[in-house]
C-alpha atoms as a PDB file:
ATOM      1  CA  MET A   1      43.424  77.881   5.417  1.00  0.00           C
ATOM      2  CA  ALA A   2      43.952  75.331   2.632  1.00  0.00           C
ATOM      3  CA  SER A   3      41.068  73.446   1.090  1.00  0.00           C
ATOM      4  CA  GLU A   4      41.280  69.672   1.211  1.00  0.00           C
ATOM      5  CA  SER A   5      39.674  67.164  -1.110  1.00  0.00           C
ATOM      6  CA  THR A   6      38.663  63.607  -0.323  1.00  0.00           C
ATOM      7  CA  THR A   7      38.029  60.800  -2.798  1.00  0.00           C
ATOM      8  CA  THR A   8      35.754  57.899  -1.906  1.00  0.00           C
ATOM      9  CA  THR A   9      33.640  55.100  -3.343  1.00  0.00           C
ATOM     10  CA  ASP A  10      31.769  54.512  -0.073  1.00  0.00           C
ATOM     11  CA  HIS A  11      28.043  54.888  -0.744  1.00  0.00           C
ATOM     12  CA  ASP A  12      27.182  55.894   2.828  1.00  0.00           C
ATOM     13  CA  GLU A  13      29.887  58.567   2.927  1.00  0.00           C
ATOM     14  CA  ILE A  14      28.778  60.016  -0.425  1.00  0.00           C
ATOM     15  CA  ARG A  15      25.102  60.027   0.510  1.00  0.00           C
ATOM     16  CA  ARG A  16      25.810  61.602   3.905  1.00  0.00           C
ATOM     17  CA  TRP A  17      27.934  64.411   2.375  1.00  0.00           C
ATOM     18  CA  VAL A  18      25.354  65.128  -0.348  1.00  0.00           C
ATOM     19  CA  GLU A  19      22.418  65.181   2.076  1.00  0.00           C
ATOM     20  CA  GLU A  20      24.323  67.379   4.567  1.00  0.00           C
ATOM     21  CA  HIS A  21      24.543  69.918   1.725  1.00  0.00           C
ATOM     22  CA  ASP A  22      20.841  69.538   0.773  1.00  0.00           C
ATOM     23  CA  GLY A  23      21.732  67.820  -2.503  1.00  0.00           C
ATOM     24  CA  LYS A  24      19.735  65.194  -4.366  1.00  0.00           C
ATOM     25  CA  PRO A  25      20.910  62.444  -6.742  1.00  0.00           C
ATOM     26  CA  ALA A  26      20.190  63.342 -10.353  1.00  0.00           C
ATOM     27  CA  SER A  27      21.066  62.689 -13.963  1.00  0.00           C
ATOM     28  CA  VAL A  28      21.245  65.072 -16.920  1.00  0.00           C
ATOM     29  CA  ARG A  29      17.866  65.077 -18.652  1.00  0.00           C
ATOM     30  CA  GLY A  30      17.987  63.481 -22.106  1.00  0.00           C
ATOM     31  CA  THR A  31      21.149  61.404 -21.503  1.00  0.00           C
ATOM     32  CA  GLU A  32      19.426  58.266 -20.199  1.00  0.00           C
ATOM     33  CA  ASP A  33      20.016  54.985 -21.958  1.00  0.00           C
ATOM     34  CA  SER A  34      17.792  51.917 -22.113  1.00  0.00           C
ATOM     35  CA  GLY A  35      19.594  50.510 -19.087  1.00  0.00           C
ATOM     36  CA  GLY A  36      18.867  53.334 -16.676  1.00  0.00           C
ATOM     37  CA  ALA A  37      20.257  56.652 -15.491  1.00  0.00           C
ATOM     38  CA  GLY A  38      22.080  59.062 -17.756  1.00  0.00           C
ATOM     39  CA  VAL A  39      25.044  61.293 -16.949  1.00  0.00           C
ATOM     40  CA  LEU A  40      25.226  61.505 -13.150  1.00  0.00           C
ATOM     41  CA  ARG A  41      25.040  64.763 -11.238  1.00  0.00           C
ATOM     42  CA  ILE A  42      24.088  66.023  -7.793  1.00  0.00           C
ATOM     43  CA  ASP A  43      21.406  68.719  -7.695  1.00  0.00           C
ATOM     44  CA  PHE A  44      22.164  71.348  -5.050  1.00  0.00           C
ATOM     45  CA  PRO A  45      19.851  74.267  -4.213  1.00  0.00           C
ATOM     46  CA  GLY A  46      20.645  77.103  -6.609  1.00  0.00           C
ATOM     47  CA  GLY A  47      22.311  74.721  -9.079  1.00  0.00           C
ATOM     48  CA  ALA A  48      21.223  73.704 -12.592  1.00  0.00           C
ATOM     49  CA  GLY A  49      17.818  72.654 -11.295  1.00  0.00           C
ATOM     50  CA  GLU A  50      15.029  70.515 -12.598  1.00  0.00           C
ATOM     51  CA  ASP A  51      14.995  72.010 -16.113  1.00  0.00           C
ATOM     52  CA  ASP A  52      18.335  70.329 -16.857  1.00  0.00           C
ATOM     53  CA  LEU A  53      18.387  67.568 -14.247  1.00  0.00           C
ATOM     54  CA  GLU A  54      16.081  64.715 -13.392  1.00  0.00           C
ATOM     55  CA  HIS A  55      16.043  63.507  -9.795  1.00  0.00           C
ATOM     56  CA  ILE A  56      16.642  59.770  -9.512  1.00  0.00           C
ATOM     57  CA  SER A  57      16.767  57.319  -6.623  1.00  0.00           C
ATOM     58  CA  TRP A  58      19.963  56.685  -4.714  1.00  0.00           C
ATOM     59  CA  ASP A  59      19.740  53.041  -5.846  1.00  0.00           C
ATOM     60  CA  ASP A  60      19.736  54.084  -9.527  1.00  0.00           C
ATOM     61  CA  TRP A  61      22.465  56.672  -8.944  1.00  0.00           C
ATOM     62  CA  PHE A  62      24.767  54.203  -7.197  1.00  0.00           C
ATOM     63  CA  ALA A  63      24.057  51.457  -9.775  1.00  0.00           C
ATOM     64  CA  LYS A  64      25.324  53.765 -12.535  1.00  0.00           C
ATOM     65  CA  PHE A  65      28.182  55.004 -10.297  1.00  0.00           C
ATOM     66  CA  ASP A  66      29.391  51.430  -9.745  1.00  0.00           C
ATOM     67  CA  ASP A  67      28.779  50.297 -13.357  1.00  0.00           C
ATOM     68  CA  GLU A  68      30.886  53.201 -14.625  1.00  0.00           C
ATOM     69  CA  LYS A  69      33.585  52.488 -11.994  1.00  0.00           C
ATOM     70  CA  LEU A  70      33.495  56.043 -10.682  1.00  0.00           C
ATOM     71  CA  ALA A  71      34.827  57.608  -7.498  1.00  0.00           C
ATOM     72  CA  PHE A  72      33.479  60.713  -5.755  1.00  0.00           C
ATOM     73  CA  LEU A  73      35.967  63.523  -5.141  1.00  0.00           C
ATOM     74  CA  TYR A  74      34.622  66.223  -2.831  1.00  0.00           C
ATOM     75  CA  GLN A  75      35.766  69.252  -0.889  1.00  0.00           C
ATOM     76  CA  GLN A  76      34.654  69.827   2.717  1.00  0.00           C
ATOM     77  CA  GLN A  77      35.611  73.508   2.875  1.00  0.00           C
ATOM     78  CA  LYS A  78      36.765  76.248   0.553  1.00  0.00           C
ATOM     79  CA  ALA A  79      40.183  77.797   1.218  1.00  0.00           C
ATOM     80  CA  SER A  80      38.297  80.643   2.946  1.00  0.00           C
ATOM     81  CA  GLY A  81      36.886  78.163   5.480  1.00  0.00           C
ATOM     82  CA  GLU A  82      33.351  78.336   4.079  1.00  0.00           C
ATOM     83  CA  ASP A  83      31.411  75.132   3.512  1.00  0.00           C
ATOM     84  CA  SER A  84      31.863  73.766  -0.023  1.00  0.00           C
ATOM     85  CA  THR A  85      29.598  71.845  -2.393  1.00  0.00           C
ATOM     86  CA  PHE A  86      32.405  71.187  -4.879  1.00  0.00           C
ATOM     87  CA  PHE A  87      32.503  67.613  -6.116  1.00  0.00           C
ATOM     88  CA  LYS A  88      33.659  65.741  -9.179  1.00  0.00           C
ATOM     89  CA  LEU A  89      33.046  62.224 -10.427  1.00  0.00           C
ATOM     90  CA  VAL A  90      36.372  60.677 -11.415  1.00  0.00           C
ATOM     91  CA  ALA A  91      37.554  57.311 -12.712  1.00  0.00           C
ATOM     92  CA  ARG A  92      38.673  54.845 -10.038  1.00  0.00           C
END
Protein backbone atom coordinates (compact mmCIF):
# COMPACT_ATOMS: atom_id res chain seq x y z
CA MET A 1 0.00 0.00 0.00
CA ALA A 2 1.44 3.41 -0.94
CA SER A 3 1.37 6.32 1.46
CA GLU A 4 -0.34 9.46 0.23
CA SER A 5 0.27 13.03 1.31
CA THR A 6 -2.18 15.91 1.25
CA THR A 7 -1.37 19.61 1.33
CA THR A 8 -3.89 22.13 2.65
CA THR A 9 -4.29 25.62 4.06
CA ASP A 10 -7.79 24.94 5.40
CA HIS A 11 -7.81 25.67 9.13
CA ASP A 12 -10.68 23.28 9.90
CA GLU A 13 -9.04 20.41 8.02
CA ILE A 14 -5.70 20.97 9.77
CA ARG A 15 -7.27 21.24 13.22
CA ARG A 16 -9.41 18.14 12.65
CA TRP A 17 -6.41 16.04 11.51
CA VAL A 18 -4.24 17.21 14.43
CA GLU A 19 -6.95 16.59 17.03
CA GLU A 20 -7.78 13.15 15.57
CA HIS A 21 -4.13 12.28 16.30
CA ASP A 22 -4.23 13.78 19.84
CA GLY A 23 -1.93 16.63 18.82
CA LYS A 24 -1.85 20.16 20.20
CA PRO A 25 -0.73 23.42 18.55
CA ALA A 26 2.68 24.50 19.81
CA SER A 27 5.73 26.60 19.13
CA VAL A 28 9.40 25.92 19.87
CA ARG A 29 10.22 27.40 23.27
CA GLY A 30 12.58 30.38 23.04
CA THR A 31 11.79 31.26 19.40
CA GLU A 32 8.93 33.67 20.08
CA ASP A 33 9.16 37.21 18.80
CA SER A 34 7.49 40.35 20.12
CA GLY A 35 4.60 39.77 17.74
CA GLY A 36 3.57 36.35 18.97
CA ALA A 37 4.27 32.66 18.42
CA GLY A 38 7.68 31.31 17.53
CA VAL A 39 8.56 28.44 15.21
CA LEU A 40 5.36 26.42 14.75
CA ARG A 41 5.07 22.75 15.63
CA ILE A 42 2.41 20.22 16.56
CA ASP A 43 2.95 18.38 19.85
CA PHE A 44 1.93 14.73 19.59
CA PRO A 45 2.00 12.27 22.51
CA GLY A 46 5.50 10.82 22.73
CA GLY A 47 6.96 13.71 20.72
CA ALA A 48 9.37 16.46 21.81
CA GLY A 49 7.08 17.41 24.68
CA GLU A 50 6.71 20.41 26.90
CA ASP A 51 10.43 20.80 27.65
CA ASP A 52 11.04 21.94 24.07
CA LEU A 53 7.56 23.07 23.04
CA GLU A 54 5.09 25.56 24.40
CA HIS A 55 1.40 24.90 23.78
CA ILE A 56 -0.35 27.86 22.18
CA SER A 57 -3.93 28.57 21.13
CA TRP A 58 -5.22 27.59 17.72
CA ASP A 59 -5.86 31.29 17.06
CA ASP A 60 -2.18 32.15 17.68
CA TRP A 61 -1.00 29.11 15.71
CA PHE A 62 -3.13 29.96 12.68
CA ALA A 63 -2.22 33.67 12.86
CA LYS A 64 1.47 32.75 12.52
CA PHE A 65 0.64 30.07 9.90
CA ASP A 66 -1.16 32.64 7.73
CA ASP A 67 1.38 35.44 8.35
CA GLU A 68 4.20 33.14 7.22
CA LYS A 69 2.14 31.98 4.20
CA LEU A 70 2.52 28.32 5.12
CA ALA A 71 0.69 25.21 3.98
CA PHE A 72 0.24 21.98 5.94
CA LEU A 73 1.44 18.79 4.26
CA TYR A 74 0.32 15.64 6.06
CA GLN A 75 0.18 11.89 5.60
CA GLN A 76 -2.96 9.91 6.49
CA GLN A 77 -1.29 6.49 6.55
CA LYS A 78 2.17 5.01 6.39
CA ALA A 79 2.97 2.70 3.47
CA SER A 80 2.31 -0.20 5.89
CA GLY A 81 -1.28 1.01 6.34
CA GLU A 82 -0.71 2.21 9.90
CA ASP A 83 -2.01 5.61 10.95
CA SER A 84 0.58 8.37 10.48
CA THR A 85 1.36 11.59 12.35
CA PHE A 86 3.82 12.78 9.71
CA PHE A 87 3.37 16.42 8.77
CA LYS A 88 5.47 19.25 7.44
CA LEU A 89 4.90 22.98 7.19
CA VAL A 90 5.78 24.13 3.68
CA ALA A 91 5.69 27.40 1.76
CA ARG A 92 2.50 28.03 -0.22
